[in-house]
Amino acid sequence: MQEYFIWNANPVMLDLGSLQIYWYGLLFAGSFFVGSQILAWMYKHEDKNAENIDTLFFYVIVGSVVGARLVHCFFYEPSYFLANPMEIVAVWKGGLASHGGVVGFLITVWIYSKRYNESYTWLLSRLAIPAALTGSAIRFGNFMNSEIVGTPTDLPWAIIFQRLDNIPRHPTQLYESAIYLIIFLFLLIIYKKVKPNFATKILPALFFLTIFTARFFLEFVKTKQASYDTGLLSTGQMLSIPFILLGMVLLFWTFISSKLPLAKEPEAS
């Protein structure tokens, strides 16, 4: 009989009685901190004034959390939250949808760009890099919580999430976390290799295409998150399609409107 890895980690990293620190919260907050340091490096690299980075990340955090919460409530559990509207604000009970987080992120970064007179496309392109890292950290947080698990499988790397049941499953949180980490490194390399103006155009396109294409296909081995998911495509897949199309449009526009993308001009022989 195949023996599978059994996962039964405590979601609480530190228990101080009335105060509990969860792995998920630590990874979520930590990824934003690391992201702010990455963005500060980009500002310095491009000789831009970074004095408002803390304010920018406040906008990003608020927008991401609010957007993620609202989409979770009204796309994944609409009947429950329509019947219990006060529960919508109970973010600490869990329930955030990444698609909504991206929508909230897009809106609040636009508001910030208008208020502080910064280029919206420049901000989106640079923030896309730490955003991929945050996605990776959040999915690892889901793994620590034994949530958003995969479908049953007999593959040798299947994991039994003992807090849920004794069924070996795809560790989809680890799949997703690893893929997003690779995307983060990929976007960072692109940023370092191309000219700043080209980076501004191509990074958002690559972010939407890679992140949401990965999400679309991973949904096939992930348990259904919405109670009404009975069709061929899950709610997560349906919500991913507009972002994939947006990425395609942005990528097409990038290559028809850009010239000389390389950061370094070839030396004359």
Foldseek 3Di string as FASTA:
>chain_A
DADAAEDAADQFPDPPDVDTHGLLVCLLVVLLVVLLVQVVVVCVVVVHDSPCSVVLSVLLVVLLQLQQLVCQCCPFPVVVCVVVVVCSPVCVVDTGHRLRSVVSNLVSLVVVCVVVVHDSLLVLLSSLLSVLLSQLSNLVSCVNVVPQWWAADPDNHFYQHVVVHRGTADRLSNVLSVQSVVLSVVLVVLCVWWASVLSSQQRLLSSLQRNLVSQLVSVVGTPARHPPPDDPGGSSNVSSVVSNVVSVVSNVVSVVPDDDTGPDDDDDD
